[in-house]
Amino acid sequence: MTTNPFYNALSAIAYIATLVTTVFYGSNLLEGVVEESIFLPMGFLATFVLSAALMGYFFLYQPLLLLLDGHREKGVKLFLETVGIFAVATVLVIVIALIVGSLGIAGLK
């Protein structure tokens, strides 16, 4: 990752958007085609673990490197800025979801 908190937070949002879009539209395409099996819970757990690893990378990799290089303040600042930008982006996504839901926009609801 970068030392730009905006890019780090944007990467996390982009990953989440890609994952949710894939699951949302993929499940519609596979409706009635895939039988429930032991592999579905395994797939969900594997996706969860992958997501946790990627979020750790997006949020912690560069701050940890800065901390280990003796730049504690820079590392903490980068981490907090990334989390702050991610929080703002999360609020924006929720507001957009509420607007789309209240307007009843077809295909997005």
C-alpha atoms as a PDB file:
ATOM      1  CA  MET A   1       0.000   0.000   0.000  1.00  0.00           C
ATOM      2  CA  THR A   2       0.936   3.613  -0.039  1.00  0.00           C
ATOM      3  CA  THR A   3       1.522   6.233   2.588  1.00  0.00           C
ATOM      4  CA  ASN A   4      -1.525   8.069   1.210  1.00  0.00           C
ATOM      5  CA  PRO A   5      -4.468   7.281   3.528  1.00  0.00           C
ATOM      6  CA  PHE A   6      -6.963   8.193   0.815  1.00  0.00           C
ATOM      7  CA  TYR A   7      -5.655   5.451  -1.501  1.00  0.00           C
ATOM      8  CA  ASN A   8      -5.578   2.919   1.324  1.00  0.00           C
ATOM      9  CA  ALA A   9      -9.188   3.633   2.329  1.00  0.00           C
ATOM     10  CA  LEU A  10     -10.285   3.768  -1.308  1.00  0.00           C
ATOM     11  CA  SER A  11      -8.707   0.347  -1.901  1.00  0.00           C
ATOM     12  CA  ALA A  12     -10.727  -1.078   0.990  1.00  0.00           C
ATOM     13  CA  ILE A  13     -13.968   0.452  -0.322  1.00  0.00           C
ATOM     14  CA  ALA A  14     -13.215  -0.789  -3.849  1.00  0.00           C
ATOM     15  CA  TYR A  15     -12.601  -4.329  -2.558  1.00  0.00           C
ATOM     16  CA  ILE A  16     -15.842  -4.282  -0.571  1.00  0.00           C
ATOM     17  CA  ALA A  17     -17.817  -2.917  -3.543  1.00  0.00           C
ATOM     18  CA  THR A  18     -16.366  -5.582  -5.839  1.00  0.00           C
ATOM     19  CA  LEU A  19     -17.080  -8.370  -3.364  1.00  0.00           C
ATOM     20  CA  VAL A  20     -20.657  -7.276  -2.662  1.00  0.00           C
ATOM     21  CA  THR A  21     -21.426  -6.711  -6.346  1.00  0.00           C
ATOM     22  CA  THR A  22     -20.090 -10.152  -7.202  1.00  0.00           C
ATOM     23  CA  VAL A  23     -22.081 -11.858  -4.452  1.00  0.00           C
ATOM     24  CA  PHE A  24     -25.259  -9.874  -5.210  1.00  0.00           C
ATOM     25  CA  TYR A  25     -25.335 -10.440  -8.944  1.00  0.00           C
ATOM     26  CA  GLY A  26     -23.644 -13.835  -8.825  1.00  0.00           C
ATOM     27  CA  SER A  27     -26.260 -15.217  -6.467  1.00  0.00           C
ATOM     28  CA  ASN A  28     -29.008 -14.023  -8.828  1.00  0.00           C
ATOM     29  CA  LEU A  29     -27.344 -15.813 -11.728  1.00  0.00           C
ATOM     30  CA  LEU A  30     -26.894 -19.040  -9.786  1.00  0.00           C
ATOM     31  CA  GLU A  31     -30.366 -19.096  -8.223  1.00  0.00           C
ATOM     32  CA  GLY A  32     -31.738 -22.607  -8.467  1.00  0.00           C
ATOM     33  CA  VAL A  33     -28.558 -23.913 -10.080  1.00  0.00           C
ATOM     34  CA  VAL A  34     -26.354 -24.503  -7.044  1.00  0.00           C
ATOM     35  CA  GLU A  35     -27.423 -26.976  -4.372  1.00  0.00           C
ATOM     36  CA  GLU A  36     -26.524 -26.352  -0.772  1.00  0.00           C
ATOM     37  CA  SER A  37     -23.470 -28.305   0.268  1.00  0.00           C
ATOM     38  CA  ILE A  38     -20.636 -28.236   2.765  1.00  0.00           C
ATOM     39  CA  PHE A  39     -18.681 -26.118   0.294  1.00  0.00           C
ATOM     40  CA  LEU A  40     -20.923 -23.050   0.666  1.00  0.00           C
ATOM     41  CA  PRO A  41     -20.022 -22.447   4.341  1.00  0.00           C
ATOM     42  CA  MET A  42     -16.374 -23.191   3.491  1.00  0.00           C
ATOM     43  CA  GLY A  43     -16.494 -20.617   0.720  1.00  0.00           C
ATOM     44  CA  PHE A  44     -18.075 -18.008   2.994  1.00  0.00           C
ATOM     45  CA  LEU A  45     -15.490 -18.606   5.714  1.00  0.00           C
ATOM     46  CA  ALA A  46     -12.643 -18.476   3.196  1.00  0.00           C
ATOM     47  CA  THR A  47     -14.025 -15.185   1.857  1.00  0.00           C
ATOM     48  CA  PHE A  48     -14.212 -13.810   5.398  1.00  0.00           C
ATOM     49  CA  VAL A  49     -10.605 -14.784   6.123  1.00  0.00           C
ATOM     50  CA  LEU A  50      -9.438 -13.320   2.804  1.00  0.00           C
ATOM     51  CA  SER A  51     -11.301 -10.102   3.589  1.00  0.00           C
ATOM     52  CA  ALA A  52      -9.748  -9.863   7.050  1.00  0.00           C
ATOM     53  CA  ALA A  53      -6.276 -10.361   5.569  1.00  0.00           C
ATOM     54  CA  LEU A  54      -6.820  -7.738   2.876  1.00  0.00           C
ATOM     55  CA  MET A  55      -8.250  -5.198   5.325  1.00  0.00           C
ATOM     56  CA  GLY A  56      -5.251  -5.793   7.580  1.00  0.00           C
ATOM     57  CA  TYR A  57      -3.000  -5.131   4.623  1.00  0.00           C
ATOM     58  CA  PHE A  58      -4.887  -2.002   3.539  1.00  0.00           C
ATOM     59  CA  PHE A  59      -5.009  -0.514   7.040  1.00  0.00           C
ATOM     60  CA  LEU A  60      -1.952  -1.827   8.874  1.00  0.00           C
ATOM     61  CA  TYR A  61       0.910  -2.615   6.488  1.00  0.00           C
ATOM     62  CA  GLN A  62       2.372   0.851   5.924  1.00  0.00           C
ATOM     63  CA  PRO A  63       1.687   2.130   9.474  1.00  0.00           C
ATOM     64  CA  LEU A  64       3.425  -0.944  10.881  1.00  0.00           C
ATOM     65  CA  LEU A  65       6.431  -0.417   8.595  1.00  0.00           C
ATOM     66  CA  LEU A  66       6.643   3.204   9.719  1.00  0.00           C
ATOM     67  CA  LEU A  67       6.400   2.123  13.356  1.00  0.00           C
ATOM     68  CA  LEU A  68       9.154  -0.471  12.919  1.00  0.00           C
ATOM     69  CA  ASP A  69      11.339   2.120  11.176  1.00  0.00           C
ATOM     70  CA  GLY A  70      11.079   4.353  14.243  1.00  0.00           C
ATOM     71  CA  HIS A  71       8.484   6.769  12.851  1.00  0.00           C
ATOM     72  CA  ARG A  72       5.824   6.108  15.479  1.00  0.00           C
ATOM     73  CA  GLU A  73       3.954   9.393  15.031  1.00  0.00           C
ATOM     74  CA  LYS A  74       3.808   9.038  11.250  1.00  0.00           C
ATOM     75  CA  GLY A  75       2.582   5.446  11.546  1.00  0.00           C
ATOM     76  CA  VAL A  76      -0.151   6.316  14.024  1.00  0.00           C
ATOM     77  CA  LYS A  77      -1.182   9.348  11.967  1.00  0.00           C
ATOM     78  CA  LEU A  78      -1.377   7.286   8.758  1.00  0.00           C
ATOM     79  CA  PHE A  79      -3.463   4.610  10.456  1.00  0.00           C
ATOM     80  CA  LEU A  80      -5.887   7.109  11.997  1.00  0.00           C
ATOM     81  CA  GLU A  81      -6.218   9.090   8.769  1.00  0.00           C
ATOM     82  CA  THR A  82      -6.927   5.899   6.820  1.00  0.00           C
ATOM     83  CA  VAL A  83      -9.579   4.822   9.324  1.00  0.00           C
ATOM     84  CA  GLY A  84     -11.081   8.322   9.308  1.00  0.00           C
ATOM     85  CA  ILE A  85     -11.314   8.467   5.524  1.00  0.00           C
ATOM     86  CA  PHE A  86     -12.756   4.950   5.487  1.00  0.00           C
ATOM     87  CA  ALA A  87     -15.345   6.014   8.084  1.00  0.00           C
ATOM     88  CA  VAL A  88     -16.386   8.995   5.948  1.00  0.00           C
ATOM     89  CA  ALA A  89     -16.623   6.759   2.876  1.00  0.00           C
ATOM     90  CA  THR A  90     -18.711   4.269   4.858  1.00  0.00           C
ATOM     91  CA  VAL A  91     -21.126   7.004   5.928  1.00  0.00           C
ATOM     92  CA  LEU A  92     -21.397   8.150   2.299  1.00  0.00           C
ATOM     93  CA  VAL A  93     -22.203   4.599   1.175  1.00  0.00           C
ATOM     94  CA  ILE A  94     -24.906   4.324   3.855  1.00  0.00           C
ATOM     95  CA  VAL A  95     -26.407   7.694   2.874  1.00  0.00           C
ATOM     96  CA  ILE A  96     -26.434   6.666  -0.802  1.00  0.00           C
ATOM     97  CA  ALA A  97     -28.074   3.349   0.154  1.00  0.00           C
ATOM     98  CA  LEU A  98     -30.779   5.190   2.096  1.00  0.00           C
ATOM     99  CA  ILE A  99     -31.408   7.584  -0.789  1.00  0.00           C
ATOM    100  CA  VAL A 100     -31.553   4.774  -3.348  1.00  0.00           C
ATOM    101  CA  GLY A 101     -33.866   2.790  -1.066  1.00  0.00           C
ATOM    102  CA  SER A 102     -36.211   5.712  -0.480  1.00  0.00           C
ATOM    103  CA  LEU A 103     -36.349   6.580  -4.183  1.00  0.00           C
ATOM    104  CA  GLY A 104     -36.881   2.944  -5.167  1.00  0.00           C
ATOM    105  CA  ILE A 105     -34.447   3.115  -8.064  1.00  0.00           C
ATOM    106  CA  ALA A 106     -34.924  -0.054 -10.097  1.00  0.00           C
ATOM    107  CA  GLY A 107     -31.946  -2.387 -10.270  1.00  0.00           C
ATOM    108  CA  LEU A 108     -30.162  -0.698  -7.386  1.00  0.00           C
ATOM    109  CA  LYS A 109     -32.663  -1.519  -4.665  1.00  0.00           C
END
